[in-house]
Amino acid sequence: GPKLRRMSAEQLWDSYVALALPEPDGREGSGRGRGGYAARERVEKLRARPAEGILAQAMAIGAAEDQYQAANTRIREEMRVAQEAGDNAKLKTLRAEMNAANKERQEAVRAANEMAAQGGMGMSMMDMMAMKRQEEAAKDQPKGKGEPGPKSPWDGYGGHLVRASELPQPAPGGHFLREFGQSDRELIENSHTDTSVSQALSLLNGPVSRDVMNGKSVVKQAVAAAGDDDAKIDTLFLAVLAREPNERQRELARAQLARDPEKGTDNLIWALMNTSEFAFVK
């Protein structure tokens, strides 16, 4: 059979994030190396666009580039002649003309990209005009003052709770990922799954445990929404270990919840997250 192995640092971190954070795949990080899921989302949006729209966007950008290159070639030749003649006034005029041509190119590219982002490329002229009228009408609508914007599903969650692919690569020293063997990128194939005392301490009393046992965490809210104690126990085991408990485990879990439902839930989450069944791939 396959060799028993522990999850990689990134897999472990993502498992904790999935227990703590709602919709983790949609949250973007801010560190260098981020963008795994954001890039996938951009690719999916691109695939959803009609081929005609992508072709129209490319042709519009290509036409702008061709026009600029033709103007650039002409202006540079005229600048060479003016420089040889010592005509500084002509050189100044030509430089301004080149800047204007470059600005015109950038504006044309920006307009094509903006139209493509709004779905304009590949639309009929009537649809494009209707969309433009709707945009202008929306701009004319009075904006309310002090109105709260749409609430993010991640309000109240720490900014560090993002997928490993959205964090700086490599993570800083002392971070969970580095503690559990993430490569420091100083050598090829430098990651590892070796065990250490610091790993045990991190799991027993580290920040990831506190994040998962926070009242706002996904697993805590799922348990709170469950019905009786047996439903809460099933929810916990399915969330953490992806299976239902056996009878002995159910009895122990019932005893925990009977003594103190809130603390018992935290004790069960803590115990399940520290099992080898959670950390190892079977």
C-alpha atoms as a PDB file:
ATOM      1  CA  GLY A   1       0.000   0.000   0.000  1.00  0.00           C
ATOM      2  CA  PRO A   2       1.017   3.660  -0.149  1.00  0.00           C
ATOM      3  CA  LYS A   3       3.524   4.965   2.341  1.00  0.00           C
ATOM      4  CA  LEU A   4       1.974   6.793   5.296  1.00  0.00           C
ATOM      5  CA  ARG A   5       2.976  10.441   5.081  1.00  0.00           C
ATOM      6  CA  ARG A   6       2.132  13.679   6.805  1.00  0.00           C
ATOM      7  CA  MET A   7       0.488  16.455   4.868  1.00  0.00           C
ATOM      8  CA  SER A   8       2.819  19.144   3.583  1.00  0.00           C
ATOM      9  CA  ALA A   9       3.040  22.445   5.428  1.00  0.00           C
ATOM     10  CA  GLU A  10       0.811  24.094   2.823  1.00  0.00           C
ATOM     11  CA  GLN A  11      -1.796  21.317   3.017  1.00  0.00           C
ATOM     12  CA  LEU A  12      -1.915  21.506   6.803  1.00  0.00           C
ATOM     13  CA  TRP A  13      -2.233  25.298   6.784  1.00  0.00           C
ATOM     14  CA  ASP A  14      -5.000  25.219   4.172  1.00  0.00           C
ATOM     15  CA  SER A  15      -6.861  22.596   6.213  1.00  0.00           C
ATOM     16  CA  TYR A  16      -6.889  24.890   9.242  1.00  0.00           C
ATOM     17  CA  VAL A  17      -7.891  27.876   7.117  1.00  0.00           C
ATOM     18  CA  ALA A  18     -10.819  25.892   5.672  1.00  0.00           C
ATOM     19  CA  LEU A  19     -12.038  25.136   9.206  1.00  0.00           C
ATOM     20  CA  ALA A  20     -11.783  28.768  10.301  1.00  0.00           C
ATOM     21  CA  LEU A  21     -12.562  30.954   7.289  1.00  0.00           C
ATOM     22  CA  PRO A  22     -15.719  31.135   5.154  1.00  0.00           C
ATOM     23  CA  GLU A  23     -15.128  30.944   1.399  1.00  0.00           C
ATOM     24  CA  PRO A  24     -11.309  30.697   1.662  1.00  0.00           C
ATOM     25  CA  ASP A  25     -10.860  30.220  -2.093  1.00  0.00           C
ATOM     26  CA  GLY A  26     -12.107  33.724  -2.801  1.00  0.00           C
ATOM     27  CA  ARG A  27      -9.942  35.641  -0.358  1.00  0.00           C
ATOM     28  CA  GLU A  28      -6.790  37.202  -1.778  1.00  0.00           C
ATOM     29  CA  GLY A  29      -3.640  37.851   0.191  1.00  0.00           C
ATOM     30  CA  SER A  30      -1.425  40.907  -0.069  1.00  0.00           C
ATOM     31  CA  GLY A  31       2.069  39.445   0.106  1.00  0.00           C
ATOM     32  CA  ARG A  32       4.475  38.758  -2.728  1.00  0.00           C
ATOM     33  CA  GLY A  33       3.777  35.408  -4.272  1.00  0.00           C
ATOM     34  CA  ARG A  34       0.026  35.757  -3.821  1.00  0.00           C
ATOM     35  CA  GLY A  35      -2.483  35.358  -6.604  1.00  0.00           C
ATOM     36  CA  GLY A  36      -2.936  31.615  -7.090  1.00  0.00           C
ATOM     37  CA  TYR A  37      -6.695  31.675  -6.746  1.00  0.00           C
ATOM     38  CA  ALA A  38      -7.022  35.213  -8.076  1.00  0.00           C
ATOM     39  CA  ALA A  39      -5.157  34.146 -11.216  1.00  0.00           C
ATOM     40  CA  ARG A  40      -7.416  31.119 -11.603  1.00  0.00           C
ATOM     41  CA  GLU A  41     -10.450  33.390 -11.341  1.00  0.00           C
ATOM     42  CA  ARG A  42      -9.069  35.655 -14.073  1.00  0.00           C
ATOM     43  CA  VAL A  43      -8.455  32.634 -16.320  1.00  0.00           C
ATOM     44  CA  GLU A  44     -11.988  31.362 -15.753  1.00  0.00           C
ATOM     45  CA  LYS A  45     -13.426  34.766 -16.624  1.00  0.00           C
ATOM     46  CA  LEU A  46     -11.335  34.815 -19.790  1.00  0.00           C
ATOM     47  CA  ARG A  47     -12.569  31.360 -20.796  1.00  0.00           C
ATOM     48  CA  ALA A  48     -16.155  32.457 -20.262  1.00  0.00           C
ATOM     49  CA  ARG A  49     -15.821  35.286 -22.785  1.00  0.00           C
ATOM     50  CA  PRO A  50     -16.865  34.669 -26.408  1.00  0.00           C
ATOM     51  CA  ALA A  51     -14.032  34.170 -28.879  1.00  0.00           C
ATOM     52  CA  GLU A  52     -15.350  37.048 -30.987  1.00  0.00           C
ATOM     53  CA  GLY A  53     -14.929  39.443 -28.072  1.00  0.00           C
ATOM     54  CA  ILE A  54     -11.351  38.370 -27.401  1.00  0.00           C
ATOM     55  CA  LEU A  55     -10.513  38.690 -31.112  1.00  0.00           C
ATOM     56  CA  ALA A  56     -12.093  42.159 -31.295  1.00  0.00           C
ATOM     57  CA  GLN A  57     -10.120  43.280 -28.242  1.00  0.00           C
ATOM     58  CA  ALA A  58      -6.860  41.971 -29.725  1.00  0.00           C
ATOM     59  CA  MET A  59      -7.536  43.653 -33.056  1.00  0.00           C
ATOM     60  CA  ALA A  60      -8.344  46.991 -31.392  1.00  0.00           C
ATOM     61  CA  ILE A  61      -5.133  46.879 -29.368  1.00  0.00           C
ATOM     62  CA  GLY A  62      -3.147  45.763 -32.431  1.00  0.00           C
ATOM     63  CA  ALA A  63      -4.507  48.645 -34.494  1.00  0.00           C
ATOM     64  CA  ALA A  64      -3.526  51.116 -31.775  1.00  0.00           C
ATOM     65  CA  GLU A  65      -0.026  49.624 -31.600  1.00  0.00           C
ATOM     66  CA  ASP A  66       0.387  49.679 -35.396  1.00  0.00           C
ATOM     67  CA  GLN A  67      -0.687  53.327 -35.552  1.00  0.00           C
ATOM     68  CA  TYR A  68       1.749  54.255 -32.799  1.00  0.00           C
ATOM     69  CA  GLN A  69       4.650  52.363 -34.374  1.00  0.00           C
ATOM     70  CA  ALA A  70       4.083  54.096 -37.718  1.00  0.00           C
ATOM     71  CA  ALA A  71       3.996  57.509 -36.037  1.00  0.00           C
ATOM     72  CA  ASN A  72       7.006  56.626 -33.893  1.00  0.00           C
ATOM     73  CA  THR A  73       9.084  55.608 -36.943  1.00  0.00           C
ATOM     74  CA  ARG A  74       8.207  58.820 -38.787  1.00  0.00           C
ATOM     75  CA  ILE A  75       8.889  61.070 -35.787  1.00  0.00           C
ATOM     76  CA  ARG A  76      12.237  59.434 -35.000  1.00  0.00           C
ATOM     77  CA  GLU A  77      13.393  59.950 -38.592  1.00  0.00           C
ATOM     78  CA  GLU A  78      12.348  63.602 -38.485  1.00  0.00           C
ATOM     79  CA  MET A  79      14.122  63.991 -35.123  1.00  0.00           C
ATOM     80  CA  ARG A  80      17.311  62.589 -36.641  1.00  0.00           C
ATOM     81  CA  VAL A  81      17.150  65.128 -39.480  1.00  0.00           C
ATOM     82  CA  ALA A  82      16.387  67.992 -37.083  1.00  0.00           C
ATOM     83  CA  GLN A  83      19.247  66.968 -34.789  1.00  0.00           C
ATOM     84  CA  GLU A  84      21.714  66.911 -37.672  1.00  0.00           C
ATOM     85  CA  ALA A  85      20.497  70.361 -38.707  1.00  0.00           C
ATOM     86  CA  GLY A  86      20.728  71.685 -35.147  1.00  0.00           C
ATOM     87  CA  ASP A  87      17.044  72.688 -35.185  1.00  0.00           C
ATOM     88  CA  ASN A  88      16.257  72.599 -31.441  1.00  0.00           C
ATOM     89  CA  ALA A  89      12.809  74.130 -31.874  1.00  0.00           C
ATOM     90  CA  LYS A  90      11.838  71.350 -34.285  1.00  0.00           C
ATOM     91  CA  LEU A  91      13.211  68.727 -31.868  1.00  0.00           C
ATOM     92  CA  LYS A  92      11.078  70.131 -29.053  1.00  0.00           C
ATOM     93  CA  THR A  93       7.967  70.000 -31.244  1.00  0.00           C
ATOM     94  CA  LEU A  94       8.703  66.431 -32.333  1.00  0.00           C
ATOM     95  CA  ARG A  95       9.234  65.267 -28.741  1.00  0.00           C
ATOM     96  CA  ALA A  96       5.846  66.683 -27.802  1.00  0.00           C
ATOM     97  CA  GLU A  97       4.314  64.938 -30.804  1.00  0.00           C
ATOM     98  CA  MET A  98       5.865  61.616 -29.770  1.00  0.00           C
ATOM     99  CA  ASN A  99       4.512  61.988 -26.219  1.00  0.00           C
ATOM    100  CA  ALA A 100       1.068  62.743 -27.635  1.00  0.00           C
ATOM    101  CA  ALA A 101       1.223  59.661 -29.878  1.00  0.00           C
ATOM    102  CA  ASN A 102       2.218  57.475 -26.940  1.00  0.00           C
ATOM    103  CA  LYS A 103      -0.579  58.901 -24.804  1.00  0.00           C
ATOM    104  CA  GLU A 104      -3.070  58.259 -27.615  1.00  0.00           C
ATOM    105  CA  ARG A 105      -1.886  54.647 -27.863  1.00  0.00           C
ATOM    106  CA  GLN A 106      -2.244  54.105 -24.099  1.00  0.00           C
ATOM    107  CA  GLU A 107      -5.728  55.597 -24.125  1.00  0.00           C
ATOM    108  CA  ALA A 108      -6.808  53.349 -27.005  1.00  0.00           C
ATOM    109  CA  VAL A 109      -5.464  50.231 -25.255  1.00  0.00           C
ATOM    110  CA  ARG A 110      -7.122  51.250 -21.991  1.00  0.00           C
ATOM    111  CA  ALA A 111     -10.448  51.829 -23.757  1.00  0.00           C
ATOM    112  CA  ALA A 112     -10.282  48.407 -25.445  1.00  0.00           C
ATOM    113  CA  ASN A 113      -9.486  46.647 -22.181  1.00  0.00           C
ATOM    114  CA  GLU A 114     -12.210  48.524 -20.330  1.00  0.00           C
ATOM    115  CA  MET A 115     -14.778  47.712 -22.988  1.00  0.00           C
ATOM    116  CA  ALA A 116     -13.729  44.048 -22.884  1.00  0.00           C
ATOM    117  CA  ALA A 117     -14.003  43.971 -19.066  1.00  0.00           C
ATOM    118  CA  GLN A 118     -17.550  45.328 -19.350  1.00  0.00           C
ATOM    119  CA  GLY A 119     -18.475  42.743 -21.954  1.00  0.00           C
ATOM    120  CA  GLY A 120     -18.571  45.225 -24.819  1.00  0.00           C
ATOM    121  CA  MET A 121     -16.289  43.340 -27.182  1.00  0.00           C
ATOM    122  CA  GLY A 122     -18.411  40.987 -29.222  1.00  0.00           C
ATOM    123  CA  MET A 123     -21.658  42.805 -28.373  1.00  0.00           C
ATOM    124  CA  SER A 124     -23.882  44.377 -30.983  1.00  0.00           C
ATOM    125  CA  MET A 125     -23.731  48.136 -31.450  1.00  0.00           C
ATOM    126  CA  MET A 126     -27.255  48.528 -30.034  1.00  0.00           C
ATOM    127  CA  ASP A 127     -26.349  46.530 -26.921  1.00  0.00           C
ATOM    128  CA  MET A 128     -23.189  48.597 -26.428  1.00  0.00           C
ATOM    129  CA  MET A 129     -25.171  51.845 -26.730  1.00  0.00           C
ATOM    130  CA  ALA A 130     -27.778  50.586 -24.250  1.00  0.00           C
ATOM    131  CA  MET A 131     -25.062  49.636 -21.774  1.00  0.00           C
ATOM    132  CA  LYS A 132     -23.469  53.063 -22.183  1.00  0.00           C
ATOM    133  CA  ARG A 133     -26.803  54.789 -21.476  1.00  0.00           C
ATOM    134  CA  GLN A 134     -27.257  52.698 -18.330  1.00  0.00           C
ATOM    135  CA  GLU A 135     -23.795  53.693 -17.118  1.00  0.00           C
ATOM    136  CA  GLU A 136     -24.478  57.374 -17.720  1.00  0.00           C
ATOM    137  CA  ALA A 137     -27.835  57.125 -15.913  1.00  0.00           C
ATOM    138  CA  ALA A 138     -26.163  55.429 -12.946  1.00  0.00           C
ATOM    139  CA  LYS A 139     -23.619  58.262 -12.721  1.00  0.00           C
ATOM    140  CA  ASP A 140     -26.437  60.817 -12.540  1.00  0.00           C
ATOM    141  CA  GLN A 141     -28.120  59.073  -9.596  1.00  0.00           C
ATOM    142  CA  PRO A 142     -27.510  60.850  -6.247  1.00  0.00           C
ATOM    143  CA  LYS A 143     -25.206  58.885  -3.992  1.00  0.00           C
ATOM    144  CA  GLY A 144     -26.246  58.338  -0.400  1.00  0.00           C
ATOM    145  CA  LYS A 145     -23.928  59.599   2.292  1.00  0.00           C
ATOM    146  CA  GLY A 146     -22.785  57.365   5.077  1.00  0.00           C
ATOM    147  CA  GLU A 147     -24.391  54.275   3.595  1.00  0.00           C
ATOM    148  CA  PRO A 148     -22.474  51.100   4.448  1.00  0.00           C
ATOM    149  CA  GLY A 149     -21.044  49.184   1.526  1.00  0.00           C
ATOM    150  CA  PRO A 150     -21.624  45.489   0.936  1.00  0.00           C
ATOM    151  CA  LYS A 151     -20.391  43.409   3.828  1.00  0.00           C
ATOM    152  CA  SER A 152     -17.461  41.146   3.117  1.00  0.00           C
ATOM    153  CA  PRO A 153     -17.781  37.483   4.193  1.00  0.00           C
ATOM    154  CA  TRP A 154     -14.388  37.898   5.873  1.00  0.00           C
ATOM    155  CA  ASP A 155     -15.210  40.861   8.128  1.00  0.00           C
ATOM    156  CA  GLY A 156     -13.855  40.145  11.587  1.00  0.00           C
ATOM    157  CA  TYR A 157     -11.388  37.480  10.463  1.00  0.00           C
ATOM    158  CA  GLY A 158      -7.651  38.039  10.716  1.00  0.00           C
ATOM    159  CA  GLY A 159      -5.875  39.084   7.544  1.00  0.00           C
ATOM    160  CA  HIS A 160      -3.464  36.165   7.975  1.00  0.00           C
ATOM    161  CA  LEU A 161      -6.248  33.676   7.242  1.00  0.00           C
ATOM    162  CA  VAL A 162      -5.715  33.095   3.527  1.00  0.00           C
ATOM    163  CA  ARG A 163      -4.659  30.083   1.499  1.00  0.00           C
ATOM    164  CA  ALA A 164      -0.958  29.277   1.524  1.00  0.00           C
ATOM    165  CA  SER A 165      -0.755  30.222  -2.157  1.00  0.00           C
ATOM    166  CA  GLU A 166      -1.845  33.773  -1.228  1.00  0.00           C
ATOM    167  CA  LEU A 167       0.870  34.249   1.418  1.00  0.00           C
ATOM    168  CA  PRO A 168       4.432  35.490   0.834  1.00  0.00           C
ATOM    169  CA  GLN A 169       6.697  32.759  -0.537  1.00  0.00           C
ATOM    170  CA  PRO A 170       8.559  31.709   1.513  1.00  0.00           C
ATOM    171  CA  ALA A 171       6.741  32.660   4.703  1.00  0.00           C
ATOM    172  CA  PRO A 172       8.782  34.555   7.304  1.00  0.00           C
ATOM    173  CA  GLY A 173      10.717  32.604   9.907  1.00  0.00           C
ATOM    174  CA  GLY A 174       8.557  31.378  12.781  1.00  0.00           C
ATOM    175  CA  HIS A 175       5.409  31.191  10.658  1.00  0.00           C
ATOM    176  CA  PHE A 176       3.375  27.979  10.788  1.00  0.00           C
ATOM    177  CA  LEU A 177       4.382  27.120   7.224  1.00  0.00           C
ATOM    178  CA  ARG A 178       8.083  27.383   7.990  1.00  0.00           C
ATOM    179  CA  GLU A 179       7.698  25.468  11.236  1.00  0.00           C
ATOM    180  CA  PHE A 180       6.153  22.568   9.338  1.00  0.00           C
ATOM    181  CA  GLY A 181       8.749  22.375   6.604  1.00  0.00           C
ATOM    182  CA  GLN A 182       7.980  24.929   3.905  1.00  0.00           C
ATOM    183  CA  SER A 183      11.041  25.488   1.713  1.00  0.00           C
ATOM    184  CA  ASP A 184      13.123  28.583   2.415  1.00  0.00           C
ATOM    185  CA  ARG A 185      13.957  28.606  -1.331  1.00  0.00           C
ATOM    186  CA  GLU A 186      17.680  28.716  -0.665  1.00  0.00           C
ATOM    187  CA  LEU A 187      18.086  25.203  -2.107  1.00  0.00           C
ATOM    188  CA  ILE A 188      16.155  23.160  -4.653  1.00  0.00           C
ATOM    189  CA  GLU A 189      13.693  20.689  -3.070  1.00  0.00           C
ATOM    190  CA  ASN A 190      14.313  22.166   0.373  1.00  0.00           C
ATOM    191  CA  SER A 191      10.893  21.434   1.892  1.00  0.00           C
ATOM    192  CA  HIS A 192      10.496  18.603   4.404  1.00  0.00           C
ATOM    193  CA  THR A 193       7.975  16.802   6.617  1.00  0.00           C
ATOM    194  CA  ASP A 194      10.270  16.139   9.570  1.00  0.00           C
ATOM    195  CA  THR A 195       8.743  16.424  13.036  1.00  0.00           C
ATOM    196  CA  SER A 196       9.923  18.721  15.819  1.00  0.00           C
ATOM    197  CA  VAL A 197       9.003  19.912  19.304  1.00  0.00           C
ATOM    198  CA  SER A 198       8.083  23.355  17.966  1.00  0.00           C
ATOM    199  CA  GLN A 199       5.523  21.727  15.673  1.00  0.00           C
ATOM    200  CA  ALA A 200       3.884  19.932  18.598  1.00  0.00           C
ATOM    201  CA  LEU A 201       3.763  23.155  20.621  1.00  0.00           C
ATOM    202  CA  SER A 202       2.300  25.037  17.657  1.00  0.00           C
ATOM    203  CA  LEU A 203      -0.498  22.489  17.308  1.00  0.00           C
ATOM    204  CA  LEU A 204      -1.178  22.264  21.048  1.00  0.00           C
ATOM    205  CA  ASN A 205      -1.297  25.981  21.795  1.00  0.00           C
ATOM    206  CA  GLY A 206      -0.567  27.919  18.621  1.00  0.00           C
ATOM    207  CA  PRO A 207      -2.531  30.624  16.828  1.00  0.00           C
ATOM    208  CA  VAL A 208      -4.086  28.182  14.342  1.00  0.00           C
ATOM    209  CA  SER A 209      -5.900  26.397  17.166  1.00  0.00           C
ATOM    210  CA  ARG A 210      -7.249  29.684  18.480  1.00  0.00           C
ATOM    211  CA  ASP A 211      -8.419  30.665  14.981  1.00  0.00           C
ATOM    212  CA  VAL A 212     -10.354  27.425  14.540  1.00  0.00           C
ATOM    213  CA  MET A 213     -11.868  27.582  18.039  1.00  0.00           C
ATOM    214  CA  ASN A 214     -12.896  31.212  17.585  1.00  0.00           C
ATOM    215  CA  GLY A 215     -16.656  31.696  17.817  1.00  0.00           C
ATOM    216  CA  LYS A 216     -16.741  33.066  14.263  1.00  0.00           C
ATOM    217  CA  SER A 217     -14.967  30.090  12.707  1.00  0.00           C
ATOM    218  CA  VAL A 218     -16.859  28.027  10.141  1.00  0.00           C
ATOM    219  CA  VAL A 219     -16.705  24.834  12.173  1.00  0.00           C
ATOM    220  CA  LYS A 220     -17.892  26.524  15.396  1.00  0.00           C
ATOM    221  CA  GLN A 221     -20.822  28.124  13.599  1.00  0.00           C
ATOM    222  CA  ALA A 222     -21.712  24.808  11.953  1.00  0.00           C
ATOM    223  CA  VAL A 223     -21.723  23.081  15.355  1.00  0.00           C
ATOM    224  CA  ALA A 224     -23.839  25.865  16.871  1.00  0.00           C
ATOM    225  CA  ALA A 225     -26.376  25.467  14.040  1.00  0.00           C
ATOM    226  CA  ALA A 226     -26.579  21.677  14.519  1.00  0.00           C
ATOM    227  CA  GLY A 227     -29.433  20.148  16.513  1.00  0.00           C
ATOM    228  CA  ASP A 228     -28.819  17.798  19.443  1.00  0.00           C
ATOM    229  CA  ASP A 229     -25.496  16.639  20.818  1.00  0.00           C
ATOM    230  CA  ASP A 230     -25.238  13.731  18.379  1.00  0.00           C
ATOM    231  CA  ALA A 231     -25.717  16.121  15.442  1.00  0.00           C
ATOM    232  CA  LYS A 232     -23.036  18.429  16.856  1.00  0.00           C
ATOM    233  CA  ILE A 233     -20.637  15.496  17.257  1.00  0.00           C
ATOM    234  CA  ASP A 234     -21.285  14.282  13.708  1.00  0.00           C
ATOM    235  CA  THR A 235     -20.702  17.803  12.398  1.00  0.00           C
ATOM    236  CA  LEU A 236     -17.369  18.041  14.213  1.00  0.00           C
ATOM    237  CA  PHE A 237     -16.067  14.690  13.014  1.00  0.00           C
ATOM    238  CA  LEU A 238     -17.182  15.247   9.446  1.00  0.00           C
ATOM    239  CA  ALA A 239     -15.627  18.731   9.370  1.00  0.00           C
ATOM    240  CA  VAL A 240     -12.270  17.731  10.847  1.00  0.00           C
ATOM    241  CA  LEU A 241     -11.793  14.069   9.941  1.00  0.00           C
ATOM    242  CA  ALA A 242     -14.304  13.685   7.066  1.00  0.00           C
ATOM    243  CA  ARG A 243     -15.964  10.710   8.754  1.00  0.00           C
ATOM    244  CA  GLU A 244     -18.508   9.953  11.459  1.00  0.00           C
ATOM    245  CA  PRO A 245     -17.323   8.878  14.934  1.00  0.00           C
ATOM    246  CA  ASN A 246     -17.399   5.305  16.132  1.00  0.00           C
ATOM    247  CA  GLU A 247     -19.451   4.421  19.213  1.00  0.00           C
ATOM    248  CA  ARG A 248     -16.569   4.787  21.687  1.00  0.00           C
ATOM    249  CA  GLN A 249     -15.664   8.211  20.292  1.00  0.00           C
ATOM    250  CA  ARG A 250     -19.316   9.273  20.382  1.00  0.00           C
ATOM    251  CA  GLU A 251     -19.574   8.337  24.063  1.00  0.00           C
ATOM    252  CA  LEU A 252     -16.469  10.361  24.934  1.00  0.00           C
ATOM    253  CA  ALA A 253     -17.743  13.326  22.933  1.00  0.00           C
ATOM    254  CA  ARG A 254     -21.156  13.193  24.625  1.00  0.00           C
ATOM    255  CA  ALA A 255     -19.460  13.314  28.027  1.00  0.00           C
ATOM    256  CA  GLN A 256     -17.517  16.437  27.000  1.00  0.00           C
ATOM    257  CA  LEU A 257     -20.610  18.254  25.768  1.00  0.00           C
ATOM    258  CA  ALA A 258     -22.655  17.196  28.832  1.00  0.00           C
ATOM    259  CA  ARG A 259     -20.168  18.803  31.239  1.00  0.00           C
ATOM    260  CA  ASP A 260     -19.889  22.118  29.343  1.00  0.00           C
ATOM    261  CA  PRO A 261     -21.283  22.526  25.799  1.00  0.00           C
ATOM    262  CA  GLU A 262     -19.066  25.499  24.865  1.00  0.00           C
ATOM    263  CA  LYS A 263     -15.836  24.304  26.419  1.00  0.00           C
ATOM    264  CA  GLY A 264     -16.604  20.731  25.417  1.00  0.00           C
ATOM    265  CA  THR A 265     -16.880  21.785  21.779  1.00  0.00           C
ATOM    266  CA  ASP A 266     -13.492  23.508  21.966  1.00  0.00           C
ATOM    267  CA  ASN A 267     -11.961  20.457  23.636  1.00  0.00           C
ATOM    268  CA  LEU A 268     -13.279  18.189  20.879  1.00  0.00           C
ATOM    269  CA  ILE A 269     -12.029  20.469  18.093  1.00  0.00           C
ATOM    270  CA  TRP A 270      -8.614  20.693  19.770  1.00  0.00           C
ATOM    271  CA  ALA A 271      -8.418  16.919  20.251  1.00  0.00           C
ATOM    272  CA  LEU A 272      -9.469  16.079  16.687  1.00  0.00           C
ATOM    273  CA  MET A 273      -7.044  18.575  15.139  1.00  0.00           C
ATOM    274  CA  ASN A 274      -4.187  17.008  17.094  1.00  0.00           C
ATOM    275  CA  THR A 275      -4.855  13.459  15.943  1.00  0.00           C
ATOM    276  CA  SER A 276      -2.526  11.755  13.503  1.00  0.00           C
ATOM    277  CA  GLU A 277      -5.609  10.965  11.416  1.00  0.00           C
ATOM    278  CA  PHE A 278      -6.018  14.679  10.698  1.00  0.00           C
ATOM    279  CA  ALA A 279      -2.367  15.380   9.876  1.00  0.00           C
ATOM    280  CA  PHE A 280      -1.520  12.238   7.877  1.00  0.00           C
ATOM    281  CA  VAL A 281      -2.604  11.209   4.395  1.00  0.00           C
ATOM    282  CA  LYS A 282      -3.881   7.633   4.278  1.00  0.00           C
END
